[in-house]
Amino acid sequence: MIALTAADVAEATGGRLHADAATPVTGSVVVDSRRVEPGGLFVALPGERVDGHDFARGAVEAGAALVLAARELEGVPTVVVDDVQAALGELARAVLARVRTRGDLRVLAVTGSVGKTTTKDLLGQLLGDLLPDDVSPEDGMVVPTGSFNNEVGLPLTVLRVTEATRFLVLEMGADGPGNIAYLTRIAPPDVGIVLAVGVAHVGKFGSVEAIARTKAEMVTGVVPGGTVVLNADDQRVAAMASLAAPEHTVVTFGTISSADVRAADVEVDASGRATFRLAVAGAPDLGGPVPVGLRLVGAHHVSNALAAAAAVLALGGTTADVAARLAEGLSRATPVSPHRMAVTERPDGVTVVDDAYNANPDSMRAALRALAVMAGRTRRSVAVLGEMLELGDGSRAAHDEIGRLVVRLNVKLLVVVGDGAYHIHEGALQEGSWGEESVFVPDLDAARAVLAEALEPGDVVLVKSSLGSGLWRLGDELAAGGPSTGPTTGPDASGEPATEVAP
């Protein structure tokens, strides 16, 4: 974070200062007292299980210079505010606005029902090529690992900016109308990306139309003169172009011929990785489409790659040099955030595909199709599936449909874990699964027992569920002992508290 004083924090948050106004705040901003740095700011958030105020004194003893709190704490330097979470957002907004006055910081933000984290991670691996030669990626970019995409995680990410930051990449999630609008008020993007509108978390929104309206808040949140990047393959997203202001530039991506940034000649190899030719409309100087070969597993990542490419081209210009570096960057990009199609080749010949960070019907279908491609006709496919949370009244039907898809894709063994996922098993049985092709188990321990007996050398195993189902633990266990193409260190490699649950 940029250097502030206690008085600066009080002014930005509208708080009451109970500390020396000149106290320097030079360290990071944290909500976990175990992560306090000397000179940092500890934000005492109230929680369902613990209250941050109880850890404020310990945070100061560990080196925090100041505490943002909802009440005065005896002997603890504090800025007291009415709403700590809202004040955290206000502080992030003020800090970002101050850094932006320098004029060379660009904010990129991505939202959508699926693909946000992967697209954000791709941007983090591509933008380094646009940095000045004298600015390192470590100094010049802020890109969170994981999905810090809600009212707590996003401000914490914003507050990592310094005077050296050139690119701030953000993920914006929502669990209700107005969430994206709130986040864009904290960090108005120069480039706002909308990936897709699906049924993820429809139980909270009430309808897909409500989800679309909420995702569209990204478009209206882009700064004047900024760029709106929209998925031309998704009709609900493409329609959001009508919401862009006249001073906005709208760029579309997709596989259809009308997309501005397009993937042509898409093919998927036996490992589940896609190749395509990247074409940009109205850019004859590129010399024709540029070949890209993704290292990410799953054909669905083509759309994420196109979104990232469109955003980078909006910043770097559609020149042959930029396009060539972009294609090279996409071709070498790997998974960064944990439990997102992370592939581990175990010494015993079992391939583990861990996609257990989150799940909804769209991402579940994509992962299952990738499993079928990877297994092909020579290897046995195994799907270990848990509940897709927050689907509302459509939950039973959605789980049933996934079970039926498993059978249609000829997955050889289905292990359904937990009561909330039972209807996946039911759907598989109704579609024609028989014998022990589909197994229902009540919990992780039972799943471990089944897999210990069932897995054979050569199997390809997909682990997929919503985070709250806990299957990420099983993904870690299955992957243990083998080299991995992606991180498998818990639900969030950064170790922060749960600040990233918004869809």
Protein backbone atom coordinates (compact mmCIF):
# COMPACT_ATOMS: atom_id res chain seq x y z
CA MET A 1 0.00 0.00 0.00
CA ILE A 2 1.06 3.59 -0.47
CA ALA A 3 2.28 5.37 2.65
CA LEU A 4 -0.50 7.03 4.66
CA THR A 5 -0.91 8.59 8.06
CA ALA A 6 -3.55 7.78 10.64
CA ALA A 7 -5.16 11.11 9.74
CA ASP A 8 -5.31 10.04 6.08
CA VAL A 9 -7.10 6.84 7.04
CA ALA A 10 -9.59 8.75 9.20
CA GLU A 11 -10.29 11.23 6.41
CA ALA A 12 -10.78 8.55 3.77
CA THR A 13 -13.14 6.50 5.93
CA GLY A 14 -14.97 9.33 7.67
CA GLY A 15 -13.83 7.83 10.96
CA ARG A 16 -13.02 9.26 14.37
CA LEU A 17 -9.32 9.24 15.13
CA HIS A 18 -8.14 7.79 18.44
CA ALA A 19 -4.44 7.86 17.69
CA ASP A 20 -1.66 10.27 16.88
CA ALA A 21 -2.67 11.87 13.59
CA ALA A 22 0.87 11.67 12.28
CA THR A 23 1.23 7.91 12.91
CA PRO A 24 2.65 6.45 9.68
CA VAL A 25 0.80 3.52 8.12
CA THR A 26 3.25 1.95 5.71
CA GLY A 27 2.57 -1.79 5.83
CA SER A 28 -0.12 -3.92 4.26
CA VAL A 29 -3.82 -3.89 5.12
CA VAL A 30 -5.03 -7.19 6.57
CA VAL A 31 -8.15 -8.70 8.13
CA ASP A 32 -6.22 -11.63 9.66
CA SER A 33 -4.14 -10.66 12.69
CA ARG A 34 -1.71 -13.48 11.90
CA ARG A 35 -0.69 -11.63 8.74
CA VAL A 36 0.11 -8.28 10.31
CA GLU A 37 3.23 -6.54 9.05
CA PRO A 38 5.17 -3.82 10.87
CA GLY A 39 3.50 -0.49 10.23
CA GLY A 40 0.40 -2.10 8.76
CA LEU A 41 -3.33 -1.54 9.20
CA PHE A 42 -5.47 -4.20 10.88
CA VAL A 43 -9.13 -4.15 9.91
CA ALA A 44 -11.25 -5.51 12.77
CA LEU A 45 -14.10 -7.12 10.87
CA PRO A 46 -16.91 -8.74 12.84
CA GLY A 47 -17.48 -12.32 11.72
CA GLU A 48 -19.89 -15.19 12.16
CA ARG A 49 -17.44 -17.14 14.30
CA VAL A 50 -14.92 -14.57 15.52
CA ASP A 51 -14.82 -10.82 16.03
CA GLY A 52 -11.74 -9.03 14.73
CA HIS A 53 -11.93 -6.59 17.63
CA ASP A 54 -10.86 -9.42 19.93
CA PHE A 55 -7.57 -9.64 18.04
CA ALA A 56 -6.85 -5.92 17.72
CA ARG A 57 -4.50 -5.66 20.68
CA GLY A 58 -2.54 -8.67 19.49
CA ALA A 59 -2.30 -7.16 16.03
CA VAL A 60 -0.77 -3.97 17.46
CA GLU A 61 1.65 -6.01 19.56
CA ALA A 62 2.65 -7.80 16.35
CA GLY A 63 3.49 -4.48 14.70
CA ALA A 64 0.26 -2.98 13.33
CA ALA A 65 0.41 0.80 13.43
CA LEU A 66 -3.34 1.32 13.40
CA VAL A 67 -6.65 -0.53 13.72
CA LEU A 68 -9.83 0.21 11.78
CA ALA A 69 -12.63 -0.64 14.21
CA ALA A 70 -16.29 -0.16 15.03
CA ARG A 71 -15.58 0.95 18.59
CA GLU A 72 -12.82 2.57 20.59
CA LEU A 73 -10.36 0.07 22.05
CA GLU A 74 -8.49 1.12 25.18
CA GLY A 75 -4.78 1.46 24.60
CA VAL A 76 -5.08 0.59 20.90
CA PRO A 77 -4.56 3.26 18.18
CA THR A 78 -7.80 3.18 16.22
CA VAL A 79 -9.91 4.87 13.62
CA VAL A 80 -13.50 4.26 14.70
CA VAL A 81 -16.18 3.96 12.01
CA ASP A 82 -19.82 2.98 11.98
CA ASP A 83 -19.38 0.14 9.47
CA VAL A 84 -15.93 -1.45 9.23
CA GLN A 85 -16.56 -3.28 5.96
CA ALA A 86 -17.91 -0.17 4.25
CA ALA A 87 -14.99 1.86 5.60
CA LEU A 88 -12.56 -0.66 4.14
CA GLY A 89 -14.16 -0.05 0.75
CA GLU A 90 -13.95 3.71 1.17
CA LEU A 91 -10.30 3.51 2.08
CA ALA A 92 -9.58 1.41 -1.03
CA ARG A 93 -11.51 3.86 -3.20
CA ALA A 94 -9.57 6.83 -1.84
CA VAL A 95 -6.17 5.15 -2.18
CA LEU A 96 -6.86 4.06 -5.76
CA ALA A 97 -8.07 7.54 -6.69
CA ARG A 98 -4.87 9.04 -5.26
CA VAL A 99 -2.63 6.65 -7.19
CA ARG A 100 -4.62 7.22 -10.35
CA THR A 101 -3.85 10.92 -10.35
CA ARG A 102 -0.40 9.88 -11.52
CA GLY A 103 -2.07 8.84 -14.78
CA ASP A 104 -0.27 5.59 -15.63
CA LEU A 105 -2.29 3.03 -13.67
CA ARG A 106 -4.86 0.94 -15.57
CA VAL A 107 -7.56 -1.11 -13.84
CA LEU A 108 -8.93 -4.24 -15.49
CA ALA A 109 -11.93 -5.99 -13.98
CA VAL A 110 -13.68 -9.20 -14.95
CA THR A 111 -17.08 -10.62 -14.02
CA GLY A 112 -19.30 -13.46 -15.21
CA SER A 113 -20.98 -16.61 -13.98
CA VAL A 114 -17.99 -18.75 -14.98
CA GLY A 115 -14.35 -18.20 -15.88
CA LYS A 116 -13.57 -15.08 -13.82
CA THR A 117 -10.59 -16.43 -11.94
CA THR A 118 -8.99 -18.12 -14.94
CA THR A 119 -9.37 -14.98 -17.05
CA LYS A 120 -7.95 -12.86 -14.25
CA ASP A 121 -4.99 -15.25 -13.97
CA LEU A 122 -4.43 -15.15 -17.74
CA LEU A 123 -4.38 -11.35 -17.65
CA GLY A 124 -1.79 -11.49 -14.90
CA GLN A 125 0.44 -13.62 -17.11
CA LEU A 126 -0.06 -11.50 -20.24
CA LEU A 127 0.17 -7.92 -19.02
CA GLY A 128 3.83 -8.18 -18.09
CA ASP A 129 4.70 -7.75 -21.77
CA LEU A 130 3.11 -4.29 -21.70
CA LEU A 131 5.16 -3.03 -18.76
CA PRO A 132 7.99 -0.57 -19.32
CA ASP A 133 11.40 -2.24 -19.46
CA ASP A 134 12.42 -0.70 -16.14
CA VAL A 135 9.35 -2.00 -14.24
CA SER A 136 9.26 -5.61 -13.05
CA PRO A 137 6.00 -7.64 -12.97
CA GLU A 138 6.31 -7.87 -9.18
CA ASP A 139 6.34 -4.07 -8.88
CA GLY A 140 4.20 -3.18 -11.87
CA MET A 141 1.16 -5.45 -11.40
CA VAL A 142 -1.29 -6.34 -8.66
CA VAL A 143 -3.08 -9.60 -9.45
CA PRO A 144 -4.52 -11.63 -6.57
CA THR A 145 -4.12 -15.39 -6.37
CA GLY A 146 -7.49 -17.00 -5.83
CA SER A 147 -10.80 -15.16 -6.13
CA PHE A 148 -10.77 -12.10 -3.91
CA ASN A 149 -13.89 -10.83 -5.57
CA ASN A 150 -16.30 -9.56 -2.92
CA GLU A 151 -16.81 -6.58 -0.62
CA VAL A 152 -13.83 -7.57 1.52
CA GLY A 153 -11.47 -9.31 -0.89
CA LEU A 154 -11.60 -6.66 -3.61
CA PRO A 155 -10.69 -3.70 -1.34
CA LEU A 156 -7.84 -5.74 0.13
CA THR A 157 -6.54 -6.29 -3.39
CA VAL A 158 -6.93 -2.62 -4.34
CA LEU A 159 -5.01 -1.56 -1.24
CA ARG A 160 -1.96 -3.46 -2.49
CA VAL A 161 -1.30 -0.81 -5.15
CA THR A 162 1.80 1.38 -4.88
CA GLU A 163 3.21 4.26 -6.87
CA ALA A 164 4.91 1.68 -9.12
CA THR A 165 1.73 -0.21 -10.03
CA ARG A 166 0.83 -0.01 -13.70
CA PHE A 167 -1.87 -2.69 -13.90
CA LEU A 168 -4.43 -3.65 -11.25
CA VAL A 169 -6.39 -6.78 -12.21
CA LEU A 170 -9.61 -7.43 -10.31
CA GLU A 171 -12.27 -10.09 -10.18
CA MET A 172 -15.79 -8.93 -9.32
CA GLY A 173 -18.37 -11.37 -8.01
CA ALA A 174 -21.91 -10.90 -6.82
CA ASP A 175 -24.52 -12.61 -4.70
CA GLY A 176 -27.22 -10.03 -5.32
CA PRO A 177 -28.21 -7.00 -7.39
CA GLY A 178 -26.03 -3.94 -6.85
CA ASN A 179 -22.91 -5.88 -5.85
CA ILE A 180 -20.98 -5.24 -9.07
CA ALA A 181 -22.05 -1.58 -9.05
CA TYR A 182 -20.67 -1.26 -5.51
CA LEU A 183 -17.36 -2.84 -6.46
CA THR A 184 -16.97 -0.66 -9.56
CA ARG A 185 -17.53 2.43 -7.40
CA ILE A 186 -14.53 1.35 -5.33
CA ALA A 187 -12.43 0.55 -8.39
CA PRO A 188 -13.89 1.91 -11.66
CA PRO A 189 -12.26 -0.17 -14.40
CA ASP A 190 -10.53 1.17 -17.49
CA VAL A 191 -11.32 -2.19 -19.06
CA GLY A 192 -14.43 -4.04 -17.90
CA ILE A 193 -14.94 -7.64 -19.05
CA VAL A 194 -18.18 -9.65 -18.93
CA LEU A 195 -17.69 -13.35 -19.66
CA ALA A 196 -21.01 -15.16 -19.41
CA VAL A 197 -24.41 -15.24 -17.75
CA GLY A 198 -25.33 -18.63 -16.33
CA VAL A 199 -27.46 -20.15 -13.61
CA ALA A 200 -24.76 -20.17 -10.95
CA HIS A 201 -26.24 -19.06 -7.61
CA VAL A 202 -29.63 -18.44 -9.21
CA GLY A 203 -31.13 -19.38 -5.84
CA LYS A 204 -29.90 -16.07 -4.45
CA PHE A 205 -30.76 -13.94 -7.47
CA GLY A 206 -34.17 -15.43 -8.21
CA SER A 207 -33.76 -15.58 -12.00
CA VAL A 208 -31.20 -15.67 -14.77
CA GLU A 209 -32.47 -12.27 -15.88
CA ALA A 210 -31.55 -10.83 -12.47
CA ILE A 211 -28.08 -12.33 -12.82
CA ALA A 212 -27.72 -10.70 -16.25
CA ARG A 213 -28.78 -7.30 -14.92
CA THR A 214 -26.23 -7.59 -12.11
CA LYS A 215 -23.38 -8.61 -14.41
CA ALA A 216 -24.32 -5.67 -16.67
CA GLU A 217 -23.43 -3.32 -13.83
CA MET A 218 -19.84 -3.84 -14.98
CA VAL A 219 -20.62 -2.05 -18.26
CA THR A 220 -22.03 1.04 -16.60
CA GLY A 221 -19.17 1.06 -14.08
CA VAL A 222 -16.39 1.47 -16.66
CA VAL A 223 -14.67 4.88 -16.56
CA PRO A 224 -15.56 7.43 -19.26
CA GLY A 225 -13.46 6.66 -22.32
CA GLY A 226 -12.80 3.12 -21.12
CA THR A 227 -13.28 -0.19 -22.92
CA VAL A 228 -16.10 -2.69 -22.46
CA VAL A 229 -15.20 -6.28 -23.44
CA LEU A 230 -18.20 -8.55 -24.08
CA ASN A 231 -18.70 -12.20 -25.01
CA ALA A 232 -20.32 -12.29 -28.45
CA ASP A 233 -21.14 -16.00 -28.04
CA ASP A 234 -23.45 -15.28 -25.10
CA GLN A 235 -26.56 -13.44 -26.26
CA ARG A 236 -27.31 -11.97 -22.83
CA VAL A 237 -23.78 -10.58 -22.59
CA ALA A 238 -23.69 -9.33 -26.17
CA ALA A 239 -26.91 -7.39 -25.49
CA MET A 240 -25.10 -5.41 -22.81
CA ALA A 241 -23.44 -3.34 -25.55
CA SER A 242 -26.57 -1.20 -25.56
CA LEU A 243 -25.73 -0.08 -22.01
CA ALA A 244 -22.31 1.27 -22.92
CA ALA A 245 -21.97 5.05 -22.98
CA PRO A 246 -21.13 6.81 -26.27
CA GLU A 247 -17.61 7.50 -25.00
CA HIS A 248 -16.97 3.81 -24.32
CA THR A 249 -15.25 1.50 -26.79
CA VAL A 250 -17.01 -1.87 -27.06
CA VAL A 251 -14.93 -4.89 -28.07
CA THR A 252 -16.48 -8.33 -28.52
CA PHE A 253 -14.83 -11.74 -28.39
CA GLY A 254 -15.98 -15.21 -29.31
CA THR A 255 -16.04 -17.89 -31.95
CA ILE A 256 -18.78 -16.40 -34.12
CA SER A 257 -17.71 -14.55 -37.26
CA SER A 258 -18.96 -11.15 -36.04
CA ALA A 259 -16.69 -11.10 -32.95
CA ASP A 260 -13.95 -8.47 -32.94
CA VAL A 261 -11.46 -10.87 -31.35
CA ARG A 262 -12.15 -14.36 -32.62
CA ALA A 263 -10.94 -17.93 -32.32
CA ALA A 264 -10.92 -19.77 -35.63
CA ASP A 265 -10.17 -23.43 -36.33
CA VAL A 266 -10.55 -24.53 -32.72
CA GLU A 267 -9.30 -28.06 -32.05
CA VAL A 268 -8.89 -30.02 -28.81
CA ASP A 269 -6.14 -32.63 -28.46
CA ALA A 270 -6.18 -35.87 -26.51
CA SER A 271 -4.94 -34.08 -23.38
CA GLY A 272 -7.98 -31.78 -23.41
CA ARG A 273 -5.99 -28.72 -24.47
CA ALA A 274 -7.23 -26.44 -27.23
CA THR A 275 -5.47 -24.87 -30.18
CA PHE A 276 -6.89 -22.10 -32.34
CA ARG A 277 -6.01 -19.18 -34.56
CA LEU A 278 -6.45 -15.75 -32.99
CA ALA A 279 -8.00 -13.27 -35.42
CA VAL A 280 -8.67 -9.56 -34.83
CA ALA A 281 -11.22 -7.74 -36.98
CA GLY A 282 -10.04 -4.59 -38.72
CA ALA A 283 -6.35 -5.24 -38.05
CA PRO A 284 -4.80 -6.23 -41.40
CA ASP A 285 -1.36 -5.29 -40.13
CA LEU A 286 -1.34 -8.43 -37.97
CA GLY A 287 -0.57 -10.44 -41.08
CA GLY A 288 -3.44 -12.88 -40.56
CA PRO A 289 -4.61 -15.04 -37.64
CA VAL A 290 -1.99 -15.92 -35.03
CA PRO A 291 -1.70 -19.55 -33.81
CA VAL A 292 -2.31 -20.23 -30.11
CA GLY A 293 -1.90 -23.50 -28.23
CA LEU A 294 -3.31 -23.42 -24.70
CA ARG A 295 -1.77 -25.34 -21.82
CA LEU A 296 -4.98 -25.01 -19.83
CA VAL A 297 -7.19 -28.11 -19.83
CA GLY A 298 -10.69 -27.81 -21.26
CA ALA A 299 -12.16 -26.39 -24.45
CA HIS A 300 -14.07 -23.84 -22.37
CA HIS A 301 -10.80 -21.99 -21.72
CA VAL A 302 -10.80 -20.75 -25.32
CA SER A 303 -13.43 -18.20 -24.31
CA ASN A 304 -11.40 -17.11 -21.28
CA ALA A 305 -8.29 -16.77 -23.43
CA LEU A 306 -10.17 -14.64 -25.97
CA ALA A 307 -11.47 -12.36 -23.22
CA ALA A 308 -7.96 -11.84 -21.86
CA ALA A 309 -6.62 -11.27 -25.36
CA ALA A 310 -9.28 -8.66 -26.13
CA ALA A 311 -8.47 -6.77 -22.93
CA VAL A 312 -4.73 -6.77 -23.59
CA LEU A 313 -5.22 -5.67 -27.19
CA ALA A 314 -7.41 -2.81 -25.94
CA LEU A 315 -4.47 -1.59 -23.87
CA GLY A 316 -1.54 -2.48 -26.09
CA GLY A 317 -2.93 -1.83 -29.55
CA THR A 318 -3.54 -4.27 -32.41
CA THR A 319 -0.03 -4.42 -33.81
CA ALA A 320 1.70 -7.51 -35.12
CA ASP A 321 4.24 -7.33 -32.29
CA VAL A 322 1.59 -7.17 -29.58
CA ALA A 323 -0.40 -9.99 -31.19
CA ALA A 324 2.67 -12.21 -31.49
CA ARG A 325 3.62 -11.67 -27.85
CA LEU A 326 0.01 -12.21 -26.84
CA ALA A 327 -0.20 -15.53 -28.67
CA GLU A 328 3.07 -16.63 -27.11
CA GLY A 329 1.87 -15.60 -23.66
CA LEU A 330 -1.43 -17.47 -24.01
CA SER A 331 0.44 -20.55 -25.19
CA ARG A 332 2.70 -20.62 -22.13
CA ALA A 333 0.08 -19.61 -19.52
CA THR A 334 -0.59 -22.15 -16.78
CA PRO A 335 -3.14 -22.43 -13.94
CA VAL A 336 -2.30 -20.03 -11.11
CA SER A 337 -5.18 -20.16 -8.63
CA PRO A 338 -5.72 -23.51 -6.91
CA HIS A 339 -8.35 -26.16 -7.65
CA ARG A 340 -9.19 -24.97 -11.15
CA MET A 341 -8.59 -27.74 -13.67
CA ALA A 342 -5.22 -28.44 -12.02
CA VAL A 343 -3.81 -31.60 -13.58
CA THR A 344 -1.53 -33.95 -11.66
CA GLU A 345 0.16 -36.97 -13.23
CA ARG A 346 0.75 -39.39 -10.38
CA PRO A 347 3.63 -41.88 -10.39
CA ASP A 348 1.12 -44.74 -10.43
CA GLY A 349 -0.26 -43.59 -13.77
CA VAL A 350 -3.45 -42.00 -12.40
CA THR A 351 -4.21 -38.51 -13.75
CA VAL A 352 -6.05 -36.22 -11.31
CA VAL A 353 -8.01 -33.24 -12.60
CA ASP A 354 -8.83 -31.06 -9.59
CA ASP A 355 -11.56 -28.51 -10.35
CA ALA A 356 -13.07 -28.49 -6.88
CA TYR A 357 -12.96 -24.78 -6.13
CA ASN A 358 -16.43 -24.05 -7.41
CA ALA A 359 -19.20 -25.58 -9.47
CA ASN A 360 -22.36 -24.68 -11.33
CA PRO A 361 -24.15 -26.47 -14.17
CA ASP A 362 -22.12 -24.70 -16.87
CA SER A 363 -18.70 -25.33 -15.34
CA MET A 364 -19.69 -28.89 -14.38
CA ARG A 365 -20.61 -29.71 -17.98
CA ALA A 366 -17.38 -28.18 -19.27
CA ALA A 367 -15.24 -30.14 -16.81
CA LEU A 368 -17.01 -33.42 -17.60
CA ARG A 369 -16.51 -32.93 -21.32
CA ALA A 370 -12.81 -32.28 -20.69
CA LEU A 371 -12.66 -35.51 -18.66
CA ALA A 372 -14.20 -37.47 -21.52
CA VAL A 373 -11.68 -36.05 -24.00
CA MET A 374 -8.70 -36.76 -21.73
CA ALA A 375 -9.75 -40.34 -21.11
CA GLY A 376 -10.60 -41.03 -24.74
CA ARG A 377 -11.12 -44.66 -25.63
CA THR A 378 -8.04 -46.06 -23.95
CA ARG A 379 -8.28 -44.83 -20.35
CA ARG A 380 -10.97 -45.17 -17.69
CA SER A 381 -12.76 -41.97 -16.72
CA VAL A 382 -13.78 -41.39 -13.09
CA ALA A 383 -15.90 -38.45 -11.93
CA VAL A 384 -16.04 -37.57 -8.23
CA LEU A 385 -18.77 -34.96 -7.93
CA GLY A 386 -20.21 -32.97 -5.04
CA GLU A 387 -23.02 -30.51 -4.63
CA MET A 388 -23.51 -27.38 -6.73
CA LEU A 389 -24.66 -24.86 -4.14
CA GLU A 390 -27.18 -22.01 -4.29
CA LEU A 391 -29.23 -23.19 -7.26
CA GLY A 392 -32.56 -22.56 -5.57
CA ASP A 393 -35.69 -24.35 -6.74
CA GLY A 394 -33.89 -25.68 -9.79
CA SER A 395 -31.28 -27.54 -7.77
CA ARG A 396 -32.77 -31.03 -8.09
CA ALA A 397 -33.24 -30.73 -11.85
CA ALA A 398 -29.76 -29.29 -12.35
CA HIS A 399 -28.10 -32.11 -10.43
CA ASP A 400 -30.22 -34.69 -12.22
CA GLU A 401 -29.13 -33.30 -15.59
CA ILE A 402 -25.47 -33.60 -14.63
CA GLY A 403 -25.96 -37.24 -13.71
CA ARG A 404 -27.55 -37.91 -17.08
CA LEU A 405 -24.68 -36.13 -18.86
CA VAL A 406 -22.17 -38.34 -17.05
CA VAL A 407 -23.83 -41.39 -18.61
CA ARG A 408 -24.04 -39.81 -22.08
CA LEU A 409 -20.33 -39.01 -21.94
CA ASN A 410 -19.65 -42.66 -21.08
CA VAL A 411 -17.86 -41.85 -17.83
CA LYS A 412 -16.94 -45.25 -16.46
CA LEU A 413 -17.25 -44.56 -12.72
CA LEU A 414 -19.27 -41.85 -10.97
CA VAL A 415 -18.79 -41.23 -7.25
CA VAL A 416 -21.38 -38.79 -5.88
CA VAL A 417 -20.46 -37.29 -2.51
CA GLY A 418 -22.93 -35.83 0.00
CA ASP A 419 -26.69 -35.66 0.36
CA GLY A 420 -26.88 -32.35 -1.51
CA ALA A 421 -25.48 -34.02 -4.62
CA TYR A 422 -27.63 -37.17 -4.44
CA HIS A 423 -29.70 -36.25 -7.48
CA ILE A 424 -26.58 -36.54 -9.68
CA HIS A 425 -26.58 -40.22 -8.75
CA GLU A 426 -30.33 -40.41 -9.30
CA GLY A 427 -30.03 -38.84 -12.75
CA ALA A 428 -27.30 -41.29 -13.75
CA LEU A 429 -29.47 -44.22 -12.71
CA GLN A 430 -32.45 -42.85 -14.63
CA GLU A 431 -30.31 -42.34 -17.72
CA GLY A 432 -29.19 -45.96 -17.69
CA SER A 433 -26.26 -46.33 -15.31
CA TRP A 434 -26.24 -49.82 -13.83
CA GLY A 435 -24.30 -52.02 -11.45
CA GLU A 436 -21.48 -50.08 -9.76
CA GLU A 437 -21.02 -47.48 -12.48
CA SER A 438 -22.57 -44.87 -10.16
CA VAL A 439 -21.92 -44.89 -6.43
CA PHE A 440 -23.44 -42.56 -3.85
CA VAL A 441 -21.52 -41.94 -0.61
CA PRO A 442 -22.51 -39.65 2.28
CA ASP A 443 -19.18 -37.97 3.02
CA LEU A 444 -15.49 -37.57 2.23
CA ASP A 445 -14.40 -40.52 4.34
CA ALA A 446 -16.69 -42.84 2.42
CA ALA A 447 -15.46 -41.38 -0.87
CA ARG A 448 -11.86 -42.00 0.18
CA ALA A 449 -12.68 -45.62 0.90
CA VAL A 450 -14.36 -46.16 -2.46
CA LEU A 451 -11.53 -44.55 -4.41
CA ALA A 452 -8.85 -46.43 -2.49
CA GLU A 453 -10.39 -49.67 -3.76
CA ALA A 454 -11.50 -48.52 -7.19
CA LEU A 455 -8.69 -46.44 -8.71
CA GLU A 456 -6.41 -48.21 -11.15
CA PRO A 457 -3.26 -47.17 -13.04
CA GLY A 458 -4.21 -45.20 -16.11
CA ASP A 459 -7.43 -43.76 -14.69
CA VAL A 460 -8.34 -40.10 -15.29
CA VAL A 461 -10.11 -38.72 -12.22
CA LEU A 462 -12.10 -35.47 -12.11
CA VAL A 463 -12.91 -33.92 -8.71
CA LYS A 464 -15.57 -31.22 -8.98
CA SER A 465 -17.93 -29.43 -6.57
CA SER A 466 -18.74 -26.11 -4.99
CA LEU A 467 -16.19 -24.95 -2.43
CA GLY A 468 -18.56 -25.42 0.48
CA SER A 469 -18.89 -29.11 -0.31
CA GLY A 470 -15.28 -29.62 0.78
CA LEU A 471 -14.17 -31.85 -2.08
CA TRP A 472 -11.08 -29.68 -2.56
CA ARG A 473 -9.59 -31.61 0.36
CA LEU A 474 -10.04 -34.83 -1.56
CA GLY A 475 -8.52 -33.16 -4.62
CA ASP A 476 -5.42 -32.31 -2.61
CA GLU A 477 -5.18 -35.85 -1.26
CA LEU A 478 -5.57 -37.50 -4.65
CA ALA A 479 -2.99 -35.19 -6.20
CA ALA A 480 -0.42 -35.72 -3.43
CA GLY A 481 2.75 -37.44 -4.51
CA GLY A 482 2.74 -36.37 -8.15
CA PRO A 483 3.92 -33.38 -10.21
CA SER A 484 1.10 -30.92 -10.83
CA THR A 485 0.41 -28.36 -13.55
CA GLY A 486 -1.45 -26.15 -11.09
CA PRO A 487 -1.46 -25.21 -7.41
CA THR A 488 -3.16 -27.58 -4.98
CA THR A 489 -2.59 -25.89 -1.64
CA GLY A 490 -6.05 -25.49 -0.22
CA PRO A 491 -9.00 -23.41 -1.35
CA ASP A 492 -6.95 -20.26 -1.63
CA ALA A 493 -3.20 -20.34 -2.07
CA SER A 494 -2.88 -16.89 -0.56
CA GLY A 495 -4.09 -18.14 2.80
CA GLU A 496 -6.41 -15.20 3.43
CA PRO A 497 -9.71 -15.79 5.20
CA ALA A 498 -12.82 -16.56 3.18
CA THR A 499 -13.14 -13.30 1.25
CA GLU A 500 -13.89 -14.86 -2.10
CA VAL A 501 -17.20 -16.64 -2.17
CA ALA A 502 -19.15 -14.44 -4.57
CA PRO A 503 -20.10 -16.01 -7.91
